[in-house]
Amino acid sequence: QKFTTKIVQMMKYEKLFESQGGPIILSQIENEYGADT
């Protein structure tokens, strides 16, 4: 959570999410976890 939050805050600070007029329209959390569940 600490690392994920840092990345999100960096993107927010630079106004890079689409909701801020930036290019980021999607984000992914975790990755191909279903096979390991």
PDB file of all heavy atoms in Angstrom:
ATOM      1  N   GLN A   1       0.833  -1.206   0.000  1.00  0.00           N
ATOM      2  CA  GLN A   1       0.000   0.000   0.000  1.00  0.00           C
ATOM      3  C   GLN A   1       0.868   1.257   0.000  1.00  0.00           C
ATOM      4  O   GLN A   1       0.555   2.238  -0.689  1.00  0.00           O
ATOM      5  CB  GLN A   1      -0.935   0.007   1.204  1.00  0.00           C
ATOM      6  CG  GLN A   1      -1.862   1.217   1.242  1.00  0.00           C
ATOM      7  CD  GLN A   1      -2.931   1.107   2.315  1.00  0.00           C
ATOM      8  OE1 GLN A   1      -2.917   0.192   3.128  1.00  0.00           O
ATOM      9  NE2 GLN A   1      -3.871   2.025   2.322  1.00  0.00           N
ATOM     10  N   LYS A   2       1.954   1.224   0.727  1.00  0.00           N
ATOM     11  CA  LYS A   2       2.843   2.382   0.789  1.00  0.00           C
ATOM     12  C   LYS A   2       3.403   2.707  -0.589  1.00  0.00           C
ATOM     13  O   LYS A   2       3.407   3.878  -1.012  1.00  0.00           O
ATOM     14  CB  LYS A   2       3.985   2.121   1.777  1.00  0.00           C
ATOM     15  CG  LYS A   2       4.959   3.285   1.904  1.00  0.00           C
ATOM     16  CD  LYS A   2       6.099   2.947   2.860  1.00  0.00           C
ATOM     17  CE  LYS A   2       7.101   4.083   2.932  1.00  0.00           C
ATOM     18  NZ  LYS A   2       8.267   3.743   3.804  1.00  0.00           N
ATOM     19  N   PHE A   3       3.865   1.682  -1.315  1.00  0.00           N
ATOM     20  CA  PHE A   3       4.441   1.941  -2.633  1.00  0.00           C
ATOM     21  C   PHE A   3       3.369   2.349  -3.636  1.00  0.00           C
ATOM     22  O   PHE A   3       3.557   3.292  -4.418  1.00  0.00           O
ATOM     23  CB  PHE A   3       5.194   0.716  -3.148  1.00  0.00           C
ATOM     24  CG  PHE A   3       5.774   0.922  -4.520  1.00  0.00           C
ATOM     25  CD1 PHE A   3       6.906   1.705  -4.691  1.00  0.00           C
ATOM     26  CD2 PHE A   3       5.179   0.357  -5.643  1.00  0.00           C
ATOM     27  CE1 PHE A   3       7.435   1.929  -5.955  1.00  0.00           C
ATOM     28  CE2 PHE A   3       5.707   0.564  -6.908  1.00  0.00           C
ATOM     29  CZ  PHE A   3       6.837   1.353  -7.060  1.00  0.00           C
ATOM     30  N   THR A   4       2.236   1.658  -3.632  1.00  0.00           N
ATOM     31  CA  THR A   4       1.151   2.000  -4.553  1.00  0.00           C
ATOM     32  C   THR A   4       0.694   3.431  -4.327  1.00  0.00           C
ATOM     33  O   THR A   4       0.484   4.195  -5.286  1.00  0.00           O
ATOM     34  CB  THR A   4      -0.031   1.029  -4.364  1.00  0.00           C
ATOM     35  OG1 THR A   4       0.420  -0.318  -4.568  1.00  0.00           O
ATOM     36  CG2 THR A   4      -1.147   1.335  -5.348  1.00  0.00           C
ATOM     37  N   THR A   5       0.559   3.807  -3.067  1.00  0.00           N
ATOM     38  CA  THR A   5       0.130   5.170  -2.739  1.00  0.00           C
ATOM     39  C   THR A   5       1.142   6.192  -3.224  1.00  0.00           C
ATOM     40  O   THR A   5       0.774   7.256  -3.734  1.00  0.00           O
ATOM     41  CB  THR A   5      -0.082   5.305  -1.221  1.00  0.00           C
ATOM     42  OG1 THR A   5      -1.064   4.354  -0.791  1.00  0.00           O
ATOM     43  CG2 THR A   5      -0.537   6.703  -0.852  1.00  0.00           C
ATOM     44  N   LYS A   6       2.435   5.875  -3.081  1.00  0.00           N
ATOM     45  CA  LYS A   6       3.465   6.814  -3.542  1.00  0.00           C
ATOM     46  C   LYS A   6       3.349   7.058  -5.040  1.00  0.00           C
ATOM     47  O   LYS A   6       3.440   8.204  -5.501  1.00  0.00           O
ATOM     48  CB  LYS A   6       4.857   6.301  -3.200  1.00  0.00           C
ATOM     49  CG  LYS A   6       5.948   7.256  -3.666  1.00  0.00           C
ATOM     50  CD  LYS A   6       7.292   6.939  -3.111  1.00  0.00           C
ATOM     51  CE  LYS A   6       8.327   7.979  -3.542  1.00  0.00           C
ATOM     52  NZ  LYS A   6       8.110   9.313  -2.931  1.00  0.00           N
ATOM     53  N   ILE A   7       3.161   5.986  -5.807  1.00  0.00           N
ATOM     54  CA  ILE A   7       3.044   6.143  -7.262  1.00  0.00           C
ATOM     55  C   ILE A   7       1.811   6.968  -7.612  1.00  0.00           C
ATOM     56  O   ILE A   7       1.864   7.887  -8.444  1.00  0.00           O
ATOM     57  CB  ILE A   7       2.997   4.774  -7.948  1.00  0.00           C
ATOM     58  CG1 ILE A   7       4.314   4.006  -7.725  1.00  0.00           C
ATOM     59  CG2 ILE A   7       2.733   4.925  -9.445  1.00  0.00           C
ATOM     60  CD1 ILE A   7       5.542   4.703  -8.263  1.00  0.00           C
ATOM     61  N   VAL A   8       0.688   6.660  -6.990  1.00  0.00           N
ATOM     62  CA  VAL A   8      -0.543   7.406  -7.265  1.00  0.00           C
ATOM     63  C   VAL A   8      -0.370   8.876  -6.904  1.00  0.00           C
ATOM     64  O   VAL A   8      -0.768   9.779  -7.662  1.00  0.00           O
ATOM     65  CB  VAL A   8      -1.739   6.791  -6.517  1.00  0.00           C
ATOM     66  CG1 VAL A   8      -2.947   7.718  -6.557  1.00  0.00           C
ATOM     67  CG2 VAL A   8      -2.097   5.438  -7.123  1.00  0.00           C
ATOM     68  N   GLN A   9       0.248   9.156  -5.756  1.00  0.00           N
ATOM     69  CA  GLN A   9       0.444  10.544  -5.346  1.00  0.00           C
ATOM     70  C   GLN A   9       1.366  11.288  -6.311  1.00  0.00           C
ATOM     71  O   GLN A   9       1.156  12.477  -6.591  1.00  0.00           O
ATOM     72  CB  GLN A   9       0.991  10.596  -3.920  1.00  0.00           C
ATOM     73  CG  GLN A   9      -0.038  10.222  -2.858  1.00  0.00           C
ATOM     74  CD  GLN A   9       0.541  10.201  -1.458  1.00  0.00           C
ATOM     75  OE1 GLN A   9       1.755  10.130  -1.268  1.00  0.00           O
ATOM     76  NE2 GLN A   9      -0.328  10.250  -0.452  1.00  0.00           N
ATOM     77  N   MET A  10       2.394  10.598  -6.824  1.00  0.00           N
ATOM     78  CA  MET A  10       3.271  11.222  -7.819  1.00  0.00           C
ATOM     79  C   MET A  10       2.482  11.604  -9.061  1.00  0.00           C
ATOM     80  O   MET A  10       2.643  12.701  -9.610  1.00  0.00           O
ATOM     81  CB  MET A  10       4.403  10.266  -8.204  1.00  0.00           C
ATOM     82  CG  MET A  10       5.506  10.128  -7.194  1.00  0.00           C
ATOM     83  SD  MET A  10       6.809   9.029  -7.797  1.00  0.00           S
ATOM     84  CE  MET A  10       7.430   9.955  -9.199  1.00  0.00           C
ATOM     85  N   MET A  11       1.647  10.697  -9.524  1.00  0.00           N
ATOM     86  CA  MET A  11       0.857  10.966 -10.718  1.00  0.00           C
ATOM     87  C   MET A  11      -0.135  12.107 -10.453  1.00  0.00           C
ATOM     88  O   MET A  11      -0.342  12.973 -11.309  1.00  0.00           O
ATOM     89  CB  MET A  11       0.112   9.713 -11.153  1.00  0.00           C
ATOM     90  CG  MET A  11       1.001   8.526 -11.530  1.00  0.00           C
ATOM     91  SD  MET A  11       2.151   8.850 -12.892  1.00  0.00           S
ATOM     92  CE  MET A  11       3.713   8.954 -11.987  1.00  0.00           C
ATOM     93  N   LYS A  12      -0.739  12.118  -9.276  1.00  0.00           N
ATOM     94  CA  LYS A  12      -1.680  13.189  -8.941  1.00  0.00           C
ATOM     95  C   LYS A  12      -0.961  14.541  -8.871  1.00  0.00           C
ATOM     96  O   LYS A  12      -1.475  15.561  -9.359  1.00  0.00           O
ATOM     97  CB  LYS A  12      -2.360  12.901  -7.603  1.00  0.00           C
ATOM     98  CG  LYS A  12      -3.473  11.869  -7.660  1.00  0.00           C
ATOM     99  CD  LYS A  12      -4.155  11.757  -6.296  1.00  0.00           C
ATOM    100  CE  LYS A  12      -5.339  10.816  -6.326  1.00  0.00           C
ATOM    101  NZ  LYS A  12      -6.021  10.740  -5.009  1.00  0.00           N
ATOM    102  N   TYR A  13       0.210  14.553  -8.267  1.00  0.00           N
ATOM    103  CA  TYR A  13       0.963  15.802  -8.125  1.00  0.00           C
ATOM    104  C   TYR A  13       1.278  16.406  -9.491  1.00  0.00           C
ATOM    105  O   TYR A  13       1.252  17.632  -9.670  1.00  0.00           O
ATOM    106  CB  TYR A  13       2.255  15.551  -7.345  1.00  0.00           C
ATOM    107  CG  TYR A  13       3.100  16.778  -7.148  1.00  0.00           C
ATOM    108  CD1 TYR A  13       2.798  17.703  -6.151  1.00  0.00           C
ATOM    109  CD2 TYR A  13       4.199  17.019  -7.967  1.00  0.00           C
ATOM    110  CE1 TYR A  13       3.570  18.843  -5.977  1.00  0.00           C
ATOM    111  CE2 TYR A  13       4.976  18.157  -7.807  1.00  0.00           C
ATOM    112  CZ  TYR A  13       4.661  19.061  -6.817  1.00  0.00           C
ATOM    113  OH  TYR A  13       5.434  20.187  -6.645  1.00  0.00           O
ATOM    114  N   GLU A  14       1.574  15.533 -10.457  1.00  0.00           N
ATOM    115  CA  GLU A  14       1.892  15.984 -11.815  1.00  0.00           C
ATOM    116  C   GLU A  14       0.647  16.131 -12.682  1.00  0.00           C
ATOM    117  O   GLU A  14       0.754  16.419 -13.874  1.00  0.00           O
ATOM    118  CB  GLU A  14       2.876  15.001 -12.475  1.00  0.00           C
ATOM    119  CG  GLU A  14       4.196  14.844 -11.750  1.00  0.00           C
ATOM    120  CD  GLU A  14       5.090  16.064 -11.878  1.00  0.00           C
ATOM    121  OE1 GLU A  14       4.814  16.900 -12.775  1.00  0.00           O
ATOM    122  OE2 GLU A  14       6.053  16.182 -11.102  1.00  0.00           O
ATOM    123  N   LYS A  15      -0.541  15.909 -12.083  1.00  0.00           N
ATOM    124  CA  LYS A  15      -1.834  16.004 -12.790  1.00  0.00           C
ATOM    125  C   LYS A  15      -1.855  15.111 -14.032  1.00  0.00           C
ATOM    126  O   LYS A  15      -2.179  15.550 -15.142  1.00  0.00           O
ATOM    127  CB  LYS A  15      -2.137  17.462 -13.164  1.00  0.00           C
ATOM    128  CG  LYS A  15      -2.237  18.391 -11.963  1.00  0.00           C
ATOM    129  CD  LYS A  15      -2.704  19.766 -12.368  1.00  0.00           C
ATOM    130  CE  LYS A  15      -2.739  20.719 -11.173  1.00  0.00           C
ATOM    131  NZ  LYS A  15      -3.588  20.240 -10.055  1.00  0.00           N
ATOM    132  N   LEU A  16      -1.545  13.846 -13.828  1.00  0.00           N
ATOM    133  CA  LEU A  16      -1.412  12.922 -14.947  1.00  0.00           C
ATOM    134  C   LEU A  16      -2.571  11.951 -15.086  1.00  0.00           C
ATOM    135  O   LEU A  16      -2.612  11.190 -16.060  1.00  0.00           O
ATOM    136  CB  LEU A  16      -0.084  12.156 -14.831  1.00  0.00           C
ATOM    137  CG  LEU A  16       1.161  13.034 -14.993  1.00  0.00           C
ATOM    138  CD1 LEU A  16       2.431  12.221 -14.747  1.00  0.00           C
ATOM    139  CD2 LEU A  16       1.203  13.687 -16.366  1.00  0.00           C
ATOM    140  N   PHE A  17      -3.497  11.935 -14.143  1.00  0.00           N
ATOM    141  CA  PHE A  17      -4.690  11.120 -14.341  1.00  0.00           C
ATOM    142  C   PHE A  17      -5.660  11.872 -15.257  1.00  0.00           C
ATOM    143  O   PHE A  17      -5.712  13.108 -15.263  1.00  0.00           O
ATOM    144  CB  PHE A  17      -5.354  10.790 -13.001  1.00  0.00           C
ATOM    145  CG  PHE A  17      -4.618   9.755 -12.209  1.00  0.00           C
ATOM    146  CD1 PHE A  17      -3.860  10.114 -11.097  1.00  0.00           C
ATOM    147  CD2 PHE A  17      -4.666   8.416 -12.581  1.00  0.00           C
ATOM    148  CE1 PHE A  17      -3.164   9.156 -10.367  1.00  0.00           C
ATOM    149  CE2 PHE A  17      -3.971   7.454 -11.856  1.00  0.00           C
ATOM    150  CZ  PHE A  17      -3.223   7.822 -10.755  1.00  0.00           C
ATOM    151  N   GLU A  18      -6.415  11.130 -16.028  1.00  0.00           N
ATOM    152  CA  GLU A  18      -7.346  11.734 -16.977  1.00  0.00           C
ATOM    153  C   GLU A  18      -8.353  12.636 -16.280  1.00  0.00           C
ATOM    154  O   GLU A  18      -8.782  13.652 -16.839  1.00  0.00           O
ATOM    155  CB  GLU A  18      -8.073  10.637 -17.755  1.00  0.00           C
ATOM    156  CG  GLU A  18      -8.899  11.130 -18.928  1.00  0.00           C
ATOM    157  CD  GLU A  18      -8.045  11.515 -20.134  1.00  0.00           C
ATOM    158  OE1 GLU A  18      -6.812  11.315 -20.095  1.00  0.00           O
ATOM    159  OE2 GLU A  18      -8.611  12.026 -21.105  1.00  0.00           O
ATOM    160  N   SER A  19      -8.705  12.304 -15.047  1.00  0.00           N
ATOM    161  CA  SER A  19      -9.621  13.137 -14.277  1.00  0.00           C
ATOM    162  C   SER A  19      -9.033  14.507 -13.970  1.00  0.00           C
ATOM    163  O   SER A  19      -9.756  15.435 -13.607  1.00  0.00           O
ATOM    164  CB  SER A  19      -9.981  12.429 -12.963  1.00  0.00           C
ATOM    165  OG  SER A  19      -8.803  12.107 -12.232  1.00  0.00           O
ATOM    166  N   GLN A  20      -7.698  14.645 -14.136  1.00  0.00           N
ATOM    167  CA  GLN A  20      -7.012  15.922 -13.925  1.00  0.00           C
ATOM    168  C   GLN A  20      -6.583  16.571 -15.243  1.00  0.00           C
ATOM    169  O   GLN A  20      -5.884  17.572 -15.246  1.00  0.00           O
ATOM    170  CB  GLN A  20      -5.761  15.707 -13.062  1.00  0.00           C
ATOM    171  CG  GLN A  20      -6.011  15.048 -11.718  1.00  0.00           C
ATOM    172  CD  GLN A  20      -4.704  14.667 -11.041  1.00  0.00           C
ATOM    173  OE1 GLN A  20      -3.983  13.783 -11.495  1.00  0.00           O
ATOM    174  NE2 GLN A  20      -4.393  15.353  -9.947  1.00  0.00           N
ATOM    175  N   GLY A  21      -6.976  15.951 -16.359  1.00  0.00           N
ATOM    176  CA  GLY A  21      -6.531  16.428 -17.660  1.00  0.00           C
ATOM    177  C   GLY A  21      -5.291  15.736 -18.172  1.00  0.00           C
ATOM    178  O   GLY A  21      -4.710  16.138 -19.185  1.00  0.00           O
ATOM    179  N   GLY A  22      -4.846  14.677 -17.491  1.00  0.00           N
ATOM    180  CA  GLY A  22      -3.666  13.924 -17.908  1.00  0.00           C
ATOM    181  C   GLY A  22      -4.026  12.761 -18.806  1.00  0.00           C
ATOM    182  O   GLY A  22      -5.193  12.560 -19.178  1.00  0.00           O
ATOM    183  N   PRO A  23      -3.046  11.931 -19.150  1.00  0.00           N
ATOM    184  CA  PRO A  23      -3.283  10.842 -20.105  1.00  0.00           C
ATOM    185  C   PRO A  23      -3.714   9.519 -19.488  1.00  0.00           C
ATOM    186  O   PRO A  23      -4.132   8.613 -20.221  1.00  0.00           O
ATOM    187  CB  PRO A  23      -1.921  10.688 -20.778  1.00  0.00           C
ATOM    188  CG  PRO A  23      -0.947  11.038 -19.690  1.00  0.00           C
ATOM    189  CD  PRO A  23      -1.609  12.127 -18.874  1.00  0.00           C
ATOM    190  N   ILE A  24      -3.597   9.333 -18.166  1.00  0.00           N
ATOM    191  CA  ILE A  24      -3.837   8.020 -17.569  1.00  0.00           C
ATOM    192  C   ILE A  24      -5.341   7.767 -17.485  1.00  0.00           C
ATOM    193  O   ILE A  24      -6.055   8.441 -16.733  1.00  0.00           O
ATOM    194  CB  ILE A  24      -3.207   7.902 -16.169  1.00  0.00           C
ATOM    195  CG1 ILE A  24      -1.703   8.152 -16.229  1.00  0.00           C
ATOM    196  CG2 ILE A  24      -3.478   6.516 -15.577  1.00  0.00           C
ATOM    197  CD1 ILE A  24      -1.038   8.248 -14.866  1.00  0.00           C
ATOM    198  N   ILE A  25      -5.820   6.791 -18.248  1.00  0.00           N
ATOM    199  CA  ILE A  25      -7.253   6.476 -18.262  1.00  0.00           C
ATOM    200  C   ILE A  25      -7.581   5.195 -17.507  1.00  0.00           C
ATOM    201  O   ILE A  25      -8.744   4.934 -17.203  1.00  0.00           O
ATOM    202  CB  ILE A  25      -7.785   6.348 -19.702  1.00  0.00           C
ATOM    203  CG1 ILE A  25      -7.027   5.249 -20.474  1.00  0.00           C
ATOM    204  CG2 ILE A  25      -7.720   7.691 -20.419  1.00  0.00           C
ATOM    205  CD1 ILE A  25      -7.634   4.909 -21.807  1.00  0.00           C
ATOM    206  N   LEU A  26      -6.571   4.378 -17.228  1.00  0.00           N
ATOM    207  CA  LEU A  26      -6.764   3.118 -16.506  1.00  0.00           C
ATOM    208  C   LEU A  26      -5.584   2.889 -15.585  1.00  0.00           C
ATOM    209  O   LEU A  26      -4.460   3.296 -15.882  1.00  0.00           O
ATOM    210  CB  LEU A  26      -6.843   1.930 -17.467  1.00  0.00           C
ATOM    211  CG  LEU A  26      -8.119   1.614 -18.233  1.00  0.00           C
ATOM    212  CD1 LEU A  26      -7.865   0.426 -19.158  1.00  0.00           C
ATOM    213  CD2 LEU A  26      -9.259   1.302 -17.283  1.00  0.00           C
ATOM    214  N   SER A  27      -5.831   2.183 -14.489  1.00  0.00           N
ATOM    215  CA  SER A  27      -4.749   1.679 -13.643  1.00  0.00           C
ATOM    216  C   SER A  27      -5.053   0.234 -13.274  1.00  0.00           C
ATOM    217  O   SER A  27      -6.219  -0.166 -13.198  1.00  0.00           O
ATOM    218  CB  SER A  27      -4.596   2.512 -12.372  1.00  0.00           C
ATOM    219  OG  SER A  27      -3.984   3.756 -12.645  1.00  0.00           O
ATOM    220  N   GLN A  28      -3.997  -0.514 -13.052  1.00  0.00           N
ATOM    221  CA  GLN A  28      -4.153  -1.922 -12.656  1.00  0.00           C
ATOM    222  C   GLN A  28      -3.584  -2.127 -11.271  1.00  0.00           C
ATOM    223  O   GLN A  28      -2.506  -1.626 -10.944  1.00  0.00           O
ATOM    224  CB  GLN A  28      -3.440  -2.848 -13.638  1.00  0.00           C
ATOM    225  CG  GLN A  28      -3.532  -4.319 -13.250  1.00  0.00           C
ATOM    226  CD  GLN A  28      -2.869  -5.235 -14.261  1.00  0.00           C
ATOM    227  OE1 GLN A  28      -3.294  -5.322 -15.391  1.00  0.00           O
ATOM    228  NE2 GLN A  28      -1.803  -5.904 -13.838  1.00  0.00           N
ATOM    229  N   ILE A  29      -4.310  -2.900 -10.463  1.00  0.00           N
ATOM    230  CA  ILE A  29      -3.800  -3.323  -9.156  1.00  0.00           C
ATOM    231  C   ILE A  29      -3.658  -4.838  -9.190  1.00  0.00           C
ATOM    232  O   ILE A  29      -4.496  -5.536  -9.766  1.00  0.00           O
ATOM    233  CB  ILE A  29      -4.727  -2.860  -8.002  1.00  0.00           C
ATOM    234  CG1 ILE A  29      -4.024  -2.996  -6.653  1.00  0.00           C
ATOM    235  CG2 ILE A  29      -6.061  -3.592  -8.019  1.00  0.00           C
ATOM    236  CD1 ILE A  29      -2.887  -2.014  -6.458  1.00  0.00           C
ATOM    237  N   GLU A  30      -2.580  -5.348  -8.584  1.00  0.00           N
ATOM    238  CA  GLU A  30      -2.216  -6.764  -8.679  1.00  0.00           C
ATOM    239  C   GLU A  30      -2.006  -7.152 -10.148  1.00  0.00           C
ATOM    240  O   GLU A  30      -2.064  -6.306 -11.041  1.00  0.00           O
ATOM    241  CB  GLU A  30      -3.232  -7.684  -7.990  1.00  0.00           C
ATOM    242  CG  GLU A  30      -2.713  -8.285  -6.681  1.00  0.00           C
ATOM    243  CD  GLU A  30      -1.454  -9.141  -6.844  1.00  0.00           C
ATOM    244  OE1 GLU A  30      -1.216  -9.683  -7.930  1.00  0.00           O
ATOM    245  OE2 GLU A  30      -0.712  -9.284  -5.869  1.00  0.00           O
ATOM    246  N   ASN A  31      -1.717  -8.439 -10.393  1.00  0.00           N
ATOM    247  CA  ASN A  31      -1.413  -8.870 -11.757  1.00  0.00           C
ATOM    248  C   ASN A  31      -1.502 -10.390 -11.853  1.00  0.00           C
ATOM    249  O   ASN A  31      -0.743 -11.095 -11.194  1.00  0.00           O
ATOM    250  CB  ASN A  31      -0.001  -8.414 -12.152  1.00  0.00           C
ATOM    251  CG  ASN A  31       0.323  -8.717 -13.598  1.00  0.00           C
ATOM    252  OD1 ASN A  31      -0.400  -8.285 -14.495  1.00  0.00           O
ATOM    253  ND2 ASN A  31       1.389  -9.457 -13.830  1.00  0.00           N
ATOM    254  N   GLU A  32      -2.445 -10.863 -12.649  1.00  0.00           N
ATOM    255  CA  GLU A  32      -2.609 -12.300 -12.891  1.00  0.00           C
ATOM    256  C   GLU A  32      -2.630 -13.098 -11.576  1.00  0.00           C
ATOM    257  O   GLU A  32      -2.002 -14.149 -11.472  1.00  0.00           O
ATOM    258  CB  GLU A  32      -1.498 -12.812 -13.815  1.00  0.00           C
ATOM    259  CG  GLU A  32      -1.536 -12.174 -15.196  1.00  0.00           C
ATOM    260  CD  GLU A  32      -0.540 -12.794 -16.160  1.00  0.00           C
ATOM    261  OE1 GLU A  32       0.500 -13.315 -15.701  1.00  0.00           O
ATOM    262  OE2 GLU A  32      -0.786 -12.753 -17.373  1.00  0.00           O
ATOM    263  N   TYR A  33      -3.343 -12.573 -10.609  1.00  0.00           N
ATOM    264  CA  TYR A  33      -3.388 -13.236  -9.306  1.00  0.00           C
ATOM    265  C   TYR A  33      -4.354 -14.417  -9.287  1.00  0.00           C
ATOM    266  O   TYR A  33      -4.199 -15.343  -8.482  1.00  0.00           O
ATOM    267  CB  TYR A  33      -3.786 -12.228  -8.221  1.00  0.00           C
ATOM    268  CG  TYR A  33      -3.719 -12.758  -6.810  1.00  0.00           C
ATOM    269  CD1 TYR A  33      -2.504 -13.120  -6.246  1.00  0.00           C
ATOM    270  CD2 TYR A  33      -4.870 -12.904  -6.042  1.00  0.00           C
ATOM    271  CE1 TYR A  33      -2.430 -13.599  -4.946  1.00  0.00           C
ATOM    272  CE2 TYR A  33      -4.811 -13.383  -4.736  1.00  0.00           C
ATOM    273  CZ  TYR A  33      -3.587 -13.730  -4.195  1.00  0.00           C
ATOM    274  OH  TYR A  33      -3.516 -14.214  -2.917  1.00  0.00           O
ATOM    275  N   GLY A  34      -5.349 -14.400 -10.167  1.00  0.00           N
ATOM    276  CA  GLY A  34      -6.380 -15.437 -10.136  1.00  0.00           C
ATOM    277  C   GLY A  34      -5.836 -16.842 -10.205  1.00  0.00           C
ATOM    278  O   GLY A  34      -6.332 -17.754  -9.540  1.00  0.00           O
ATOM    279  N   ALA A  35      -4.769 -17.045 -11.007  1.00  0.00           N
ATOM    280  CA  ALA A  35      -4.196 -18.379 -11.153  1.00  0.00           C
ATOM    281  C   ALA A  35      -3.563 -18.874  -9.855  1.00  0.00           C
ATOM    282  O   ALA A  35      -3.423 -20.083  -9.650  1.00  0.00           O
ATOM    283  CB  ALA A  35      -3.156 -18.372 -12.273  1.00  0.00           C
ATOM    284  N   ASP A  36      -3.165 -17.953  -8.976  1.00  0.00           N
ATOM    285  CA  ASP A  36      -2.499 -18.328  -7.728  1.00  0.00           C
ATOM    286  C   ASP A  36      -3.447 -18.356  -6.522  1.00  0.00           C
ATOM    287  O   ASP A  36      -3.059 -18.785  -5.438  1.00  0.00           O
ATOM    288  CB  ASP A  36      -1.363 -17.344  -7.420  1.00  0.00           C
ATOM    289  CG  ASP A  36      -0.247 -17.401  -8.457  1.00  0.00           C
ATOM    290  OD1 ASP A  36      -0.172 -18.420  -9.169  1.00  0.00           O
ATOM    291  OD2 ASP A  36       0.520 -16.439  -8.554  1.00  0.00           O
ATOM    292  N   THR A  37      -4.672 -17.879  -6.719  1.00  0.00           N
ATOM    293  CA  THR A  37      -5.582 -17.725  -5.587  1.00  0.00           C
ATOM    294  C   THR A  37      -5.787 -19.025  -4.834  1.00  0.00           C
ATOM    295  O   THR A  37      -5.821 -19.055  -3.592  1.00  0.00           O
ATOM    296  CB  THR A  37      -6.945 -17.177  -6.064  1.00  0.00           C
ATOM    297  OG1 THR A  37      -6.739 -15.933  -6.728  1.00  0.00           O
ATOM    298  CG2 THR A  37      -7.879 -16.958  -4.887  1.00  0.00           C
TER     299      THR A  37
END
